[in-house]
Amino acid sequence: MNQAQLIRNLALRIGQTQVDTKQLMKSSLEIIVDILDQDIPVSIPRLGTFYTVTNKKRKAYSPFHKQEMILPPKRVIRFRPSSFIKAEINSKPVE
């Protein structure tokens, strides 16, 4: 499912136009990004929790340059699904 299909389905469920739904999704994601930028976890009930972690600097080998490099620390976003969504996914038979 791509973004357009998600917006279309969501608009039908909530009874709003696709333009309004797209703006709602865009605003929601901007708020989530702003909160994660402050290193505050974002918990969405029945979906899960988004949080940030900082990877330490590390050594890596570049085959192109044929030398080792030091990669700087990097912030990454992680997601921990809720027990509800895990149970929903696992309750359906695998095809």
N, C-alpha and C. Protein backbone atom coordinates (compact mmCIF):
# COMPACT_ATOMS: atom_id res chain seq x y z
N MET A 1 0.85 -1.17 0.00
CA MET A 1 0.00 0.00 0.00
C MET A 1 0.89 1.23 0.00
N ASN A 2 0.62 2.13 -0.91
CA ASN A 2 1.40 3.37 -0.95
C ASN A 2 0.64 4.49 -0.24
N GLN A 3 1.22 5.68 -0.23
CA GLN A 3 0.63 6.80 0.51
C GLN A 3 -0.73 7.20 -0.05
N ALA A 4 -0.88 7.22 -1.37
CA ALA A 4 -2.15 7.61 -1.97
C ALA A 4 -3.27 6.64 -1.60
N GLN A 5 -2.97 5.35 -1.59
CA GLN A 5 -3.97 4.36 -1.21
C GLN A 5 -4.33 4.48 0.27
N LEU A 6 -3.34 4.74 1.11
CA LEU A 6 -3.59 4.91 2.53
C LEU A 6 -4.48 6.12 2.77
N ILE A 7 -4.19 7.22 2.11
CA ILE A 7 -5.00 8.43 2.27
C ILE A 7 -6.42 8.18 1.78
N ARG A 8 -6.57 7.50 0.65
CA ARG A 8 -7.90 7.21 0.10
C ARG A 8 -8.71 6.36 1.08
N ASN A 9 -8.11 5.29 1.61
CA ASN A 9 -8.81 4.43 2.56
C ASN A 9 -9.16 5.14 3.85
N LEU A 10 -8.24 5.93 4.36
CA LEU A 10 -8.48 6.67 5.59
C LEU A 10 -9.58 7.71 5.39
N ALA A 11 -9.57 8.40 4.25
CA ALA A 11 -10.60 9.41 3.97
C ALA A 11 -11.98 8.77 3.92
N LEU A 12 -12.09 7.59 3.32
CA LEU A 12 -13.38 6.89 3.27
C LEU A 12 -13.85 6.50 4.66
N ARG A 13 -12.93 6.05 5.51
CA ARG A 13 -13.31 5.61 6.86
C ARG A 13 -13.76 6.76 7.75
N ILE A 14 -13.09 7.90 7.65
CA ILE A 14 -13.44 9.01 8.55
C ILE A 14 -14.43 9.99 7.93
N GLY A 15 -14.77 9.79 6.66
CA GLY A 15 -15.77 10.64 6.02
C GLY A 15 -15.29 12.03 5.70
N GLN A 16 -14.00 12.18 5.41
CA GLN A 16 -13.43 13.47 5.06
C GLN A 16 -12.92 13.41 3.62
N THR A 17 -12.58 14.57 3.07
CA THR A 17 -12.01 14.59 1.73
C THR A 17 -10.57 14.10 1.77
N GLN A 18 -10.07 13.67 0.62
CA GLN A 18 -8.69 13.21 0.56
C GLN A 18 -7.71 14.35 0.82
N VAL A 19 -8.07 15.56 0.41
CA VAL A 19 -7.20 16.72 0.64
C VAL A 19 -7.07 16.99 2.14
N ASP A 20 -8.21 16.96 2.85
CA ASP A 20 -8.17 17.17 4.30
C ASP A 20 -7.40 16.05 5.01
N THR A 21 -7.62 14.83 4.56
CA THR A 21 -6.94 13.69 5.16
C THR A 21 -5.45 13.75 4.93
N LYS A 22 -5.03 14.15 3.72
CA LYS A 22 -3.61 14.28 3.43
C LYS A 22 -2.97 15.34 4.32
N GLN A 23 -3.65 16.46 4.52
CA GLN A 23 -3.14 17.53 5.38
C GLN A 23 -3.05 17.06 6.82
N LEU A 24 -4.04 16.28 7.27
CA LEU A 24 -4.04 15.75 8.62
C LEU A 24 -2.85 14.81 8.82
N MET A 25 -2.61 13.93 7.86
CA MET A 25 -1.47 13.01 7.96
C MET A 25 -0.15 13.76 7.95
N LYS A 26 -0.04 14.76 7.07
CA LYS A 26 1.19 15.55 6.98
C LYS A 26 1.47 16.26 8.30
N SER A 27 0.46 16.88 8.87
CA SER A 27 0.62 17.59 10.15
C SER A 27 0.98 16.62 11.28
N SER A 28 0.34 15.45 11.30
CA SER A 28 0.63 14.45 12.33
C SER A 28 2.08 13.99 12.25
N LEU A 29 2.56 13.72 11.05
CA LEU A 29 3.93 13.27 10.89
C LEU A 29 4.93 14.36 11.26
N GLU A 30 4.61 15.62 10.95
CA GLU A 30 5.49 16.72 11.33
C GLU A 30 5.60 16.82 12.85
N ILE A 31 4.49 16.63 13.55
CA ILE A 31 4.49 16.69 15.00
C ILE A 31 5.32 15.53 15.57
N ILE A 32 5.15 14.33 15.01
CA ILE A 32 5.91 13.17 15.47
C ILE A 32 7.41 13.40 15.27
N VAL A 33 7.79 13.93 14.12
CA VAL A 33 9.21 14.20 13.85
C VAL A 33 9.76 15.24 14.81
N ASP A 34 8.99 16.29 15.09
CA ASP A 34 9.43 17.31 16.04
C ASP A 34 9.67 16.72 17.43
N ILE A 35 8.77 15.84 17.86
CA ILE A 35 8.91 15.23 19.18
C ILE A 35 10.12 14.30 19.21
N LEU A 36 10.28 13.48 18.16
CA LEU A 36 11.42 12.56 18.10
C LEU A 36 12.74 13.32 18.03
N ASP A 37 12.73 14.49 17.41
CA ASP A 37 13.94 15.31 17.33
C ASP A 37 14.41 15.75 18.71
N GLN A 38 13.50 15.79 19.68
CA GLN A 38 13.83 16.15 21.05
C GLN A 38 14.18 14.92 21.89
N ASP A 39 14.32 13.76 21.24
CA ASP A 39 14.63 12.48 21.90
C ASP A 39 13.56 12.06 22.90
N ILE A 40 12.31 12.38 22.60
CA ILE A 40 11.18 11.97 23.42
C ILE A 40 10.44 10.86 22.67
N PRO A 41 10.22 9.70 23.30
CA PRO A 41 9.49 8.62 22.61
C PRO A 41 8.04 9.02 22.32
N VAL A 42 7.52 8.53 21.20
CA VAL A 42 6.13 8.79 20.82
C VAL A 42 5.39 7.46 20.85
N SER A 43 4.42 7.37 21.74
CA SER A 43 3.63 6.15 21.89
C SER A 43 2.25 6.37 21.30
N ILE A 44 1.88 5.51 20.35
CA ILE A 44 0.56 5.58 19.73
C ILE A 44 -0.20 4.34 20.18
N PRO A 45 -1.28 4.51 20.95
CA PRO A 45 -2.02 3.35 21.46
C PRO A 45 -2.45 2.41 20.34
N ARG A 46 -2.34 1.12 20.61
CA ARG A 46 -2.71 0.04 19.70
C ARG A 46 -1.81 -0.07 18.47
N LEU A 47 -0.81 0.80 18.35
CA LEU A 47 0.13 0.72 17.23
C LEU A 47 1.53 0.39 17.74
N GLY A 48 2.08 1.25 18.60
CA GLY A 48 3.40 1.00 19.14
C GLY A 48 4.11 2.29 19.54
N THR A 49 5.42 2.19 19.73
CA THR A 49 6.21 3.31 20.20
C THR A 49 7.38 3.56 19.25
N PHE A 50 7.53 4.81 18.85
CA PHE A 50 8.68 5.25 18.07
C PHE A 50 9.65 5.91 19.04
N TYR A 51 10.93 5.61 18.91
CA TYR A 51 11.94 6.22 19.78
C TYR A 51 13.25 6.34 19.02
N THR A 52 14.16 7.18 19.52
CA THR A 52 15.44 7.37 18.87
C THR A 52 16.55 6.76 19.72
N VAL A 53 17.58 6.28 19.04
CA VAL A 53 18.80 5.81 19.70
C VAL A 53 19.98 6.40 18.94
N THR A 54 21.09 6.55 19.62
CA THR A 54 22.29 7.09 18.99
C THR A 54 23.31 5.97 18.85
N ASN A 55 23.69 5.68 17.61
CA ASN A 55 24.74 4.70 17.36
C ASN A 55 26.09 5.37 17.60
N LYS A 56 27.01 4.64 18.19
CA LYS A 56 28.34 5.18 18.44
C LYS A 56 29.14 5.23 17.14
N LYS A 57 30.23 5.99 17.17
CA LYS A 57 31.10 6.00 16.00
C LYS A 57 31.70 4.61 15.83
N ARG A 58 31.99 4.24 14.58
CA ARG A 58 32.49 2.90 14.32
C ARG A 58 33.41 2.88 13.12
N LYS A 59 34.19 1.82 13.03
CA LYS A 59 35.07 1.63 11.89
C LYS A 59 34.30 0.91 10.78
N ALA A 60 34.60 1.28 9.55
CA ALA A 60 34.01 0.61 8.39
C ALA A 60 35.06 0.55 7.29
N TYR A 61 34.93 -0.43 6.42
CA TYR A 61 35.87 -0.58 5.32
C TYR A 61 35.18 -0.17 4.02
N SER A 62 35.82 0.71 3.24
CA SER A 62 35.30 1.14 1.96
C SER A 62 36.01 0.38 0.85
N PRO A 63 35.30 -0.53 0.16
CA PRO A 63 35.95 -1.26 -0.93
C PRO A 63 36.32 -0.36 -2.10
N PHE A 64 35.60 0.73 -2.27
CA PHE A 64 35.89 1.65 -3.36
C PHE A 64 37.23 2.34 -3.14
N HIS A 65 37.45 2.85 -1.92
CA HIS A 65 38.69 3.55 -1.59
C HIS A 65 39.76 2.60 -1.06
N LYS A 66 39.37 1.36 -0.75
CA LYS A 66 40.27 0.35 -0.20
C LYS A 66 40.98 0.82 1.07
N GLN A 67 40.17 1.38 1.96
CA GLN A 67 40.72 1.83 3.23
C GLN A 67 39.64 1.82 4.30
N GLU A 68 40.09 1.81 5.56
CA GLU A 68 39.15 1.90 6.67
C GLU A 68 38.77 3.35 6.90
N MET A 69 37.52 3.53 7.33
CA MET A 69 37.01 4.88 7.64
C MET A 69 36.38 4.84 9.02
N ILE A 70 36.30 5.99 9.63
CA ILE A 70 35.58 6.13 10.89
C ILE A 70 34.25 6.81 10.57
N LEU A 71 33.15 6.09 10.84
CA LEU A 71 31.82 6.67 10.63
C LEU A 71 31.40 7.42 11.89
N PRO A 72 30.85 8.61 11.76
CA PRO A 72 30.48 9.40 12.94
C PRO A 72 29.24 8.81 13.63
N PRO A 73 28.98 9.26 14.86
CA PRO A 73 27.75 8.83 15.54
C PRO A 73 26.52 9.24 14.72
N LYS A 74 25.46 8.44 14.84
CA LYS A 74 24.27 8.68 14.04
C LYS A 74 23.02 8.38 14.86
N ARG A 75 22.03 9.25 14.76
CA ARG A 75 20.75 9.02 15.42
C ARG A 75 19.85 8.25 14.46
N VAL A 76 19.20 7.22 14.97
CA VAL A 76 18.29 6.42 14.17
C VAL A 76 16.96 6.28 14.90
N ILE A 77 15.89 6.06 14.14
CA ILE A 77 14.56 5.88 14.71
C ILE A 77 14.26 4.40 14.78
N ARG A 78 13.74 3.96 15.90
CA ARG A 78 13.33 2.57 16.11
C ARG A 78 11.83 2.54 16.37
N PHE A 79 11.25 1.38 16.16
CA PHE A 79 9.81 1.19 16.39
C PHE A 79 9.60 -0.11 17.15
N ARG A 80 8.82 -0.04 18.21
CA ARG A 80 8.45 -1.22 18.98
C ARG A 80 6.94 -1.38 18.87
N PRO A 81 6.46 -2.41 18.16
CA PRO A 81 5.01 -2.58 18.01
C PRO A 81 4.34 -2.95 19.33
N SER A 82 3.08 -2.56 19.46
CA SER A 82 2.33 -2.87 20.68
C SER A 82 1.95 -4.34 20.70
N SER A 83 1.61 -4.83 21.88
CA SER A 83 1.19 -6.22 22.00
C SER A 83 -0.12 -6.45 21.26
N PHE A 84 -0.98 -5.43 21.17
CA PHE A 84 -2.24 -5.56 20.45
C PHE A 84 -2.01 -5.84 18.97
N ILE A 85 -1.14 -5.05 18.34
CA ILE A 85 -0.92 -5.23 16.91
C ILE A 85 -0.19 -6.54 16.64
N LYS A 86 0.70 -6.96 17.54
CA LYS A 86 1.35 -8.25 17.39
C LYS A 86 0.33 -9.38 17.42
N ALA A 87 -0.60 -9.29 18.38
CA ALA A 87 -1.62 -10.33 18.51
C ALA A 87 -2.54 -10.35 17.29
N GLU A 88 -2.89 -9.18 16.76
CA GLU A 88 -3.74 -9.11 15.57
C GLU A 88 -3.06 -9.75 14.36
N ILE A 89 -1.80 -9.46 14.17
CA ILE A 89 -1.06 -10.01 13.03
C ILE A 89 -0.89 -11.52 13.18
N ASN A 90 -0.58 -11.97 14.39
CA ASN A 90 -0.34 -13.39 14.62
C ASN A 90 -1.61 -14.22 14.70
N SER A 91 -2.77 -13.60 14.86
CA SER A 91 -4.02 -14.35 14.96
C SER A 91 -4.52 -14.83 13.59
N LYS A 92 -4.02 -14.24 12.53
CA LYS A 92 -4.45 -14.61 11.19
C LYS A 92 -3.55 -15.72 10.65
N PRO A 93 -4.13 -16.69 9.95
CA PRO A 93 -3.30 -17.80 9.43
C PRO A 93 -2.34 -17.33 8.34
N VAL A 94 -1.20 -17.97 8.28
CA VAL A 94 -0.19 -17.66 7.28
C VAL A 94 -0.52 -18.44 6.01
N GLU A 95 -0.47 -17.76 4.90
CA GLU A 95 -0.81 -18.43 3.63
C GLU A 95 0.39 -19.10 3.02
